[in-house]
Amino acid sequence: MLIAFSFAYWRQLFPKNWPDIIIPARVIYFMTLTDNRWIEPVTATAGGGIFGILAEVLLGLLLIFSFHAKLPEPAEEAEDKASKFILKPHLGIYATELSLLLVVGLLIYRFAGYPHGYWLPYTAIVVLQVSHTLTLKKIGERILGTLLGCIAGSVLLLLHPGPAVQVLLSGLSIFLFLFYVRQNYALAAIFITIYVL
């Protein structure tokens, strides 16, 4: 639930560059689900990040109140600053939906015994958008990209490439995924599927 509401606040507070924050956070979340050895360094990183965010918020509030005490500002501006920290309704719905999907996905992963079931909550983070139209579009792109990536990856594996070629293909796949992830998600999904295979 914390990560879902964090994503909603990041989208609200950083409307232009929220993917730069959310994408690494999704990767960290995924790493903690896939391998328990990652929990300690990820917890330390998250703790440091939370400490940094709290320090920044406290400093920001201190500056706002110090300037507010010195310069009288119109009531509209003060109200506008306060409204940044109140989640907008569509982002509140997004955070609630994502929280529910993550809880259900984690319960299925933990109790159903699916191998690699950690992909379920991770995929929920990736495909859920702030509107249902965008979510359906993202789901379609994810399915198409995954299917094409499975076909391409299977063909590559049938060729039995050596270890050096596998490393090269892995690096190229990650590069192309990162290159296309914002421009064409279906194409990016092809390359991340090839990488995973």
Protein backbone atom coordinates (compact mmCIF):
# COMPACT_ATOMS: atom_id res chain seq x y z
CA MET A 1 0.00 0.00 0.00
CA LEU A 2 2.87 2.34 0.81
CA ILE A 3 4.43 1.90 -2.62
CA ALA A 4 1.06 2.41 -4.37
CA PHE A 5 0.38 5.70 -2.60
CA SER A 6 4.01 6.76 -3.08
CA PHE A 7 3.57 6.30 -6.83
CA ALA A 8 0.41 8.41 -6.77
CA TYR A 9 2.14 11.22 -4.88
CA TRP A 10 5.16 11.08 -7.20
CA ARG A 11 2.83 11.41 -10.18
CA GLN A 12 1.19 14.42 -8.56
CA LEU A 13 4.29 16.20 -7.27
CA PHE A 14 6.52 15.48 -10.28
CA PRO A 15 4.14 15.42 -13.28
CA LYS A 16 6.87 15.71 -15.93
CA ASN A 17 9.44 13.23 -14.65
CA TRP A 18 7.53 10.79 -12.45
CA PRO A 19 8.61 7.77 -14.59
CA ASP A 20 12.22 8.53 -13.66
CA ILE A 21 11.25 7.87 -10.05
CA ILE A 22 8.71 5.08 -10.49
CA ILE A 23 10.70 2.87 -12.88
CA PRO A 24 13.66 2.34 -10.48
CA ALA A 25 11.21 1.88 -7.59
CA ARG A 26 9.45 -0.89 -9.53
CA VAL A 27 12.77 -2.60 -10.19
CA ILE A 28 13.70 -2.45 -6.49
CA TYR A 29 10.28 -3.85 -5.57
CA PHE A 30 10.70 -6.64 -8.10
CA MET A 31 14.18 -7.49 -6.80
CA THR A 32 12.91 -7.91 -3.25
CA LEU A 33 10.19 -10.29 -4.46
CA THR A 34 12.48 -12.45 -6.58
CA ASP A 35 15.36 -13.02 -4.19
CA ASN A 36 15.42 -12.71 -0.41
CA ARG A 37 19.11 -11.80 -0.50
CA TRP A 38 18.11 -8.40 -1.93
CA ILE A 39 15.92 -7.49 1.05
CA GLU A 40 18.74 -6.16 3.24
CA PRO A 41 20.41 -3.81 0.69
CA VAL A 42 17.02 -2.74 -0.67
CA THR A 43 15.75 -2.03 2.85
CA ALA A 44 18.85 0.06 3.54
CA THR A 45 18.39 1.93 0.24
CA ALA A 46 14.68 2.49 0.90
CA GLY A 47 15.44 3.64 4.45
CA GLY A 48 17.98 6.12 3.15
CA GLY A 49 15.53 7.30 0.50
CA ILE A 50 12.75 7.75 3.06
CA PHE A 51 15.14 9.65 5.33
CA GLY A 52 16.15 11.89 2.40
CA ILE A 53 12.54 12.53 1.40
CA LEU A 54 11.54 13.36 4.98
CA ALA A 55 14.50 15.71 5.33
CA GLU A 56 13.55 17.42 2.06
CA VAL A 57 9.89 17.75 3.09
CA LEU A 58 10.84 19.13 6.51
CA LEU A 59 13.28 21.59 4.94
CA GLY A 60 10.63 22.60 2.39
CA LEU A 61 8.04 23.16 5.12
CA LEU A 62 10.56 25.13 7.14
CA LEU A 63 11.30 27.35 4.15
CA ILE A 64 7.61 27.80 3.35
CA PHE A 65 6.81 28.80 6.92
CA SER A 66 9.86 31.06 7.23
CA PHE A 67 8.95 32.88 4.01
CA HIS A 68 5.31 32.91 5.05
CA ALA A 69 6.25 34.61 8.32
CA LYS A 70 8.33 37.26 6.51
CA LEU A 71 6.19 37.94 3.46
CA PRO A 72 2.43 37.99 3.59
CA GLU A 73 1.20 35.95 0.66
CA PRO A 74 -2.26 35.83 -0.80
CA ALA A 75 -4.56 33.18 0.59
CA GLU A 76 -4.84 31.55 -2.86
CA GLU A 77 -1.08 30.92 -3.08
CA ALA A 78 -0.96 29.42 0.43
CA GLU A 79 -3.94 27.22 -0.41
CA ASP A 80 -2.29 26.16 -3.69
CA LYS A 81 0.88 25.05 -1.86
CA ALA A 82 -1.15 23.04 0.66
CA SER A 83 -3.21 21.40 -2.10
CA LYS A 84 -0.06 19.83 -3.59
CA PHE A 85 0.01 17.45 -0.63
CA ILE A 86 -3.66 16.48 -0.92
CA LEU A 87 -3.97 13.62 -3.38
CA LYS A 88 -6.17 14.41 -6.38
CA PRO A 89 -9.23 12.13 -6.68
CA HIS A 90 -8.08 10.25 -9.82
CA LEU A 91 -4.69 9.57 -8.19
CA GLY A 92 -6.41 8.44 -4.99
CA ILE A 93 -8.43 5.93 -7.01
CA TYR A 94 -5.26 4.82 -8.82
CA ALA A 95 -3.42 4.31 -5.51
CA THR A 96 -6.33 2.37 -4.00
CA GLU A 97 -6.68 0.12 -7.07
CA LEU A 98 -2.92 -0.51 -7.15
CA SER A 99 -2.88 -1.29 -3.42
CA LEU A 100 -5.62 -3.88 -3.86
CA LEU A 101 -3.92 -5.43 -6.91
CA LEU A 102 -0.59 -5.66 -5.08
CA VAL A 103 -2.14 -7.25 -1.99
CA VAL A 104 -4.08 -9.79 -4.10
CA GLY A 105 -1.03 -10.44 -6.31
CA LEU A 106 1.22 -10.99 -3.30
CA LEU A 107 -1.32 -13.31 -1.65
CA ILE A 108 -1.57 -15.38 -4.85
CA TYR A 109 2.22 -15.43 -5.12
CA ARG A 110 2.77 -16.45 -1.49
CA PHE A 111 -0.02 -18.99 -1.07
CA ALA A 112 -0.70 -20.47 -4.52
CA GLY A 113 2.88 -21.61 -5.00
CA TYR A 114 3.23 -20.37 -8.57
CA PRO A 115 6.87 -20.48 -9.65
CA HIS A 116 7.84 -16.96 -10.70
CA GLY A 117 4.51 -15.67 -9.34
CA TYR A 118 6.29 -12.45 -8.34
CA TRP A 119 5.60 -11.26 -11.88
CA LEU A 120 1.92 -10.87 -10.99
CA PRO A 121 2.24 -7.89 -8.58
CA TYR A 122 5.09 -6.43 -10.63
CA THR A 123 3.01 -6.52 -13.81
CA ALA A 124 0.14 -4.85 -11.94
CA ILE A 125 2.48 -1.93 -11.17
CA VAL A 126 3.55 -1.72 -14.79
CA VAL A 127 0.18 -1.93 -16.53
CA LEU A 128 -2.12 -0.07 -14.13
CA GLN A 129 -2.49 3.54 -15.26
CA VAL A 130 -4.49 6.47 -13.93
CA SER A 131 -7.33 5.89 -16.41
CA HIS A 132 -9.01 2.68 -17.52
CA THR A 133 -8.48 3.53 -21.20
CA LEU A 134 -4.72 3.88 -20.69
CA THR A 135 -4.67 0.69 -18.61
CA LEU A 136 -6.38 -1.31 -21.38
CA LYS A 137 -3.92 0.12 -23.92
CA LYS A 138 -0.97 -0.82 -21.71
CA ILE A 139 -2.36 -4.35 -21.16
CA GLY A 140 -2.71 -4.84 -24.92
CA GLU A 141 0.84 -3.60 -25.50
CA ARG A 142 2.16 -5.84 -22.73
CA ILE A 143 0.42 -8.96 -24.10
CA LEU A 144 1.50 -8.29 -27.69
CA GLY A 145 5.08 -7.48 -26.70
CA THR A 146 5.34 -10.50 -24.42
CA LEU A 147 4.02 -12.90 -27.07
CA LEU A 148 6.34 -11.56 -29.77
CA GLY A 149 9.23 -11.53 -27.29
CA CYS A 150 8.54 -15.18 -26.37
CA ILE A 151 8.61 -16.16 -30.04
CA ALA A 152 11.82 -14.21 -30.75
CA GLY A 153 13.48 -15.38 -27.53
CA SER A 154 12.55 -19.01 -28.19
CA VAL A 155 14.02 -18.83 -31.70
CA LEU A 156 17.23 -17.38 -30.25
CA LEU A 157 17.40 -20.12 -27.60
CA LEU A 158 16.83 -22.83 -30.24
CA LEU A 159 19.98 -21.56 -31.98
CA HIS A 160 21.96 -22.48 -28.80
CA PRO A 161 24.10 -19.33 -28.66
CA GLY A 162 27.31 -19.52 -26.67
CA PRO A 163 27.82 -17.69 -23.36
CA ALA A 164 29.48 -14.66 -25.01
CA VAL A 165 26.59 -14.26 -27.48
CA GLN A 166 24.07 -14.65 -24.64
CA VAL A 167 25.75 -11.86 -22.69
CA LEU A 168 25.80 -9.67 -25.80
CA LEU A 169 22.11 -10.39 -26.53
CA SER A 170 21.19 -9.69 -22.89
CA GLY A 171 22.97 -6.34 -22.94
CA LEU A 172 21.46 -5.39 -26.29
CA SER A 173 17.97 -6.41 -25.11
CA ILE A 174 18.21 -4.27 -21.97
CA PHE A 175 19.55 -1.32 -23.97
CA LEU A 176 16.71 -1.56 -26.49
CA PHE A 177 14.14 -1.99 -23.72
CA LEU A 178 15.33 1.17 -21.98
CA PHE A 179 15.50 3.02 -25.30
CA TYR A 180 11.90 2.16 -26.30
CA VAL A 181 10.13 1.97 -22.91
CA ARG A 182 8.75 5.54 -23.14
CA GLN A 183 8.27 5.71 -26.91
CA ASN A 184 6.75 2.33 -27.75
CA TYR A 185 5.88 0.07 -24.82
CA ALA A 186 4.91 -2.94 -26.98
CA LEU A 187 8.33 -2.89 -28.62
CA ALA A 188 10.02 -2.43 -25.24
CA ALA A 189 8.08 -5.44 -23.89
CA ILE A 190 9.50 -7.57 -26.70
CA PHE A 191 13.07 -6.76 -25.64
CA ILE A 192 12.51 -7.21 -21.91
CA THR A 193 10.91 -10.62 -22.62
CA ILE A 194 13.89 -11.65 -24.72
CA TYR A 195 16.16 -10.54 -21.87
CA VAL A 196 14.18 -12.53 -19.28
CA LEU A 197 14.21 -15.65 -21.46
